[in-house]
């Protein structure tokens, strides 16, 4: 295995998953680096993700996410940004703790 040489600057969110009574969200998505997509799931503290989304996209988007989570009676709820919000969510990889030396290719 070799490490990637290019630092991925953006994490593209495919799903935000919330398990009721949990203290973190799971972000499922990918980074694009060295002309390849690298898919991963990242746990992110609820307050941290709320601040990141509010800072980059505004409080209204985070409110729509919360509305989706709390309108469901399911114990695990997911938000697909493209389907439920009609938009893409891209967050800075560095703010999520994604580092070059943690991405590996086989």
C-alpha atoms as a PDB file:
ATOM      1  CA  UNK A   1       0.000   0.000   0.000  1.00  0.00           C
ATOM      2  CA  UNK A   2       1.137   3.524  -0.707  1.00  0.00           C
ATOM      3  CA  UNK A   3       0.097   6.865   0.714  1.00  0.00           C
ATOM      4  CA  UNK A   4      -1.546   9.505  -1.437  1.00  0.00           C
ATOM      5  CA  UNK A   5       0.552  12.495  -2.409  1.00  0.00           C
ATOM      6  CA  UNK A   6      -2.244  15.007  -2.912  1.00  0.00           C
ATOM      7  CA  UNK A   7      -4.179  16.411   0.058  1.00  0.00           C
ATOM      8  CA  UNK A   8      -7.924  16.111  -0.543  1.00  0.00           C
ATOM      9  CA  UNK A   9      -9.477  19.474   0.242  1.00  0.00           C
ATOM     10  CA  UNK A  10     -13.168  18.546   0.097  1.00  0.00           C
ATOM     11  CA  UNK A  11     -15.298  15.810   1.620  1.00  0.00           C
ATOM     12  CA  UNK A  12     -18.440  15.223  -0.448  1.00  0.00           C
ATOM     13  CA  UNK A  13     -21.325  14.093   1.775  1.00  0.00           C
ATOM     14  CA  UNK A  14     -23.582  11.389   0.333  1.00  0.00           C
ATOM     15  CA  UNK A  15     -25.490  10.688   3.572  1.00  0.00           C
ATOM     16  CA  UNK A  16     -25.755  12.070   7.083  1.00  0.00           C
ATOM     17  CA  UNK A  17     -26.853   9.298   9.430  1.00  0.00           C
ATOM     18  CA  UNK A  18     -28.247   9.899  12.910  1.00  0.00           C
ATOM     19  CA  UNK A  19     -29.059   7.250  15.482  1.00  0.00           C
ATOM     20  CA  UNK A  20     -31.468   8.645  18.049  1.00  0.00           C
ATOM     21  CA  UNK A  21     -29.858   9.271  21.452  1.00  0.00           C
ATOM     22  CA  UNK A  22     -26.362   9.121  19.927  1.00  0.00           C
ATOM     23  CA  UNK A  23     -23.753  11.852  20.400  1.00  0.00           C
ATOM     24  CA  UNK A  24     -22.408  11.854  16.849  1.00  0.00           C
ATOM     25  CA  UNK A  25     -23.512  11.870  13.246  1.00  0.00           C
ATOM     26  CA  UNK A  26     -22.020   9.513  10.699  1.00  0.00           C
ATOM     27  CA  UNK A  27     -21.047  11.137   7.435  1.00  0.00           C
ATOM     28  CA  UNK A  28     -20.855   8.775   4.486  1.00  0.00           C
ATOM     29  CA  UNK A  29     -19.164  10.205   1.453  1.00  0.00           C
ATOM     30  CA  UNK A  30     -15.938  10.516  -0.444  1.00  0.00           C
ATOM     31  CA  UNK A  31     -12.864  12.570  -1.144  1.00  0.00           C
ATOM     32  CA  UNK A  32     -11.469  12.898  -4.630  1.00  0.00           C
ATOM     33  CA  UNK A  33      -7.699  12.676  -4.801  1.00  0.00           C
ATOM     34  CA  UNK A  34      -5.171  11.571  -7.406  1.00  0.00           C
ATOM     35  CA  UNK A  35      -8.016  11.140  -9.911  1.00  0.00           C
ATOM     36  CA  UNK A  36      -9.752   8.559  -7.675  1.00  0.00           C
ATOM     37  CA  UNK A  37     -12.700   8.615  -5.304  1.00  0.00           C
ATOM     38  CA  UNK A  38     -12.066   7.327  -1.803  1.00  0.00           C
ATOM     39  CA  UNK A  39     -15.279   6.439   0.063  1.00  0.00           C
ATOM     40  CA  UNK A  40     -15.409   6.495   3.837  1.00  0.00           C
ATOM     41  CA  UNK A  41     -17.675   6.946   6.838  1.00  0.00           C
ATOM     42  CA  UNK A  42     -16.664   9.488   9.474  1.00  0.00           C
ATOM     43  CA  UNK A  43     -18.198   9.959  12.926  1.00  0.00           C
ATOM     44  CA  UNK A  44     -18.568  13.663  13.721  1.00  0.00           C
ATOM     45  CA  UNK A  45     -19.716  15.170  16.996  1.00  0.00           C
ATOM     46  CA  UNK A  46     -23.212  16.643  16.643  1.00  0.00           C
ATOM     47  CA  UNK A  47     -22.232  20.146  17.743  1.00  0.00           C
ATOM     48  CA  UNK A  48     -19.136  20.168  15.548  1.00  0.00           C
ATOM     49  CA  UNK A  49     -21.065  19.184  12.430  1.00  0.00           C
ATOM     50  CA  UNK A  50     -23.827  21.665  13.243  1.00  0.00           C
ATOM     51  CA  UNK A  51     -21.257  24.459  13.456  1.00  0.00           C
ATOM     52  CA  UNK A  52     -19.522  23.386  10.228  1.00  0.00           C
ATOM     53  CA  UNK A  53     -22.761  23.264   8.264  1.00  0.00           C
ATOM     54  CA  UNK A  54     -24.095  26.497   9.740  1.00  0.00           C
ATOM     55  CA  UNK A  55     -20.801  28.251   8.990  1.00  0.00           C
ATOM     56  CA  UNK A  56     -20.512  26.996   5.420  1.00  0.00           C
ATOM     57  CA  UNK A  57     -24.176  26.675   4.348  1.00  0.00           C
ATOM     58  CA  UNK A  58     -26.236  28.610   6.893  1.00  0.00           C
ATOM     59  CA  UNK A  59     -28.472  27.830   9.820  1.00  0.00           C
ATOM     60  CA  UNK A  60     -31.500  27.147   7.623  1.00  0.00           C
ATOM     61  CA  UNK A  61     -29.838  24.081   6.090  1.00  0.00           C
ATOM     62  CA  UNK A  62     -28.977  22.648   9.505  1.00  0.00           C
ATOM     63  CA  UNK A  63     -32.547  23.299  10.650  1.00  0.00           C
ATOM     64  CA  UNK A  64     -33.863  21.335   7.656  1.00  0.00           C
ATOM     65  CA  UNK A  65     -31.549  18.461   8.592  1.00  0.00           C
ATOM     66  CA  UNK A  66     -32.805  18.500  12.193  1.00  0.00           C
ATOM     67  CA  UNK A  67     -36.414  18.635  10.977  1.00  0.00           C
ATOM     68  CA  UNK A  68     -35.812  15.511   8.905  1.00  0.00           C
ATOM     69  CA  UNK A  69     -34.249  13.661  11.850  1.00  0.00           C
ATOM     70  CA  UNK A  70     -36.937  14.569  14.352  1.00  0.00           C
ATOM     71  CA  UNK A  71     -39.908  14.071  12.033  1.00  0.00           C
ATOM     72  CA  UNK A  72     -39.080  10.369  11.769  1.00  0.00           C
ATOM     73  CA  UNK A  73     -39.964   7.791  14.397  1.00  0.00           C
ATOM     74  CA  UNK A  74     -37.275   5.428  13.099  1.00  0.00           C
ATOM     75  CA  UNK A  75     -34.349   4.786  15.475  1.00  0.00           C
ATOM     76  CA  UNK A  76     -31.863   5.438  12.649  1.00  0.00           C
ATOM     77  CA  UNK A  77     -32.516   8.216  10.158  1.00  0.00           C
ATOM     78  CA  UNK A  78     -30.469   9.336   7.189  1.00  0.00           C
ATOM     79  CA  UNK A  79     -30.413  12.482   5.126  1.00  0.00           C
ATOM     80  CA  UNK A  80     -29.394  12.303   1.503  1.00  0.00           C
ATOM     81  CA  UNK A  81     -28.497  15.954   0.724  1.00  0.00           C
ATOM     82  CA  UNK A  82     -29.321  15.637  -2.983  1.00  0.00           C
ATOM     83  CA  UNK A  83     -32.688  13.994  -2.355  1.00  0.00           C
ATOM     84  CA  UNK A  84     -33.867  15.668   0.859  1.00  0.00           C
ATOM     85  CA  UNK A  85     -32.217  19.104   0.609  1.00  0.00           C
ATOM     86  CA  UNK A  86     -31.906  19.413  -3.193  1.00  0.00           C
ATOM     87  CA  UNK A  87     -28.237  20.343  -2.834  1.00  0.00           C
ATOM     88  CA  UNK A  88     -24.726  19.004  -2.390  1.00  0.00           C
ATOM     89  CA  UNK A  89     -22.901  19.271   0.902  1.00  0.00           C
ATOM     90  CA  UNK A  90     -19.152  19.623   0.656  1.00  0.00           C
ATOM     91  CA  UNK A  91     -17.071  20.193   3.766  1.00  0.00           C
ATOM     92  CA  UNK A  92     -13.388  20.944   4.184  1.00  0.00           C
ATOM     93  CA  UNK A  93     -11.529  17.686   4.738  1.00  0.00           C
ATOM     94  CA  UNK A  94      -9.133  19.323   7.177  1.00  0.00           C
ATOM     95  CA  UNK A  95     -12.033  20.392   9.424  1.00  0.00           C
ATOM     96  CA  UNK A  96     -13.229  16.776   9.540  1.00  0.00           C
ATOM     97  CA  UNK A  97      -9.764  15.437  10.366  1.00  0.00           C
ATOM     98  CA  UNK A  98      -9.128  13.716   7.034  1.00  0.00           C
ATOM     99  CA  UNK A  99      -5.378  13.582   6.551  1.00  0.00           C
ATOM    100  CA  UNK A 100      -3.358  12.523   3.534  1.00  0.00           C
ATOM    101  CA  UNK A 101      -1.440   9.838   5.424  1.00  0.00           C
ATOM    102  CA  UNK A 102      -4.703   8.092   6.405  1.00  0.00           C
ATOM    103  CA  UNK A 103      -5.826   7.529   2.809  1.00  0.00           C
ATOM    104  CA  UNK A 104      -4.259   4.428   1.309  1.00  0.00           C
ATOM    105  CA  UNK A 105      -4.385   2.700  -2.024  1.00  0.00           C
ATOM    106  CA  UNK A 106      -3.870  -1.021  -2.508  1.00  0.00           C
END
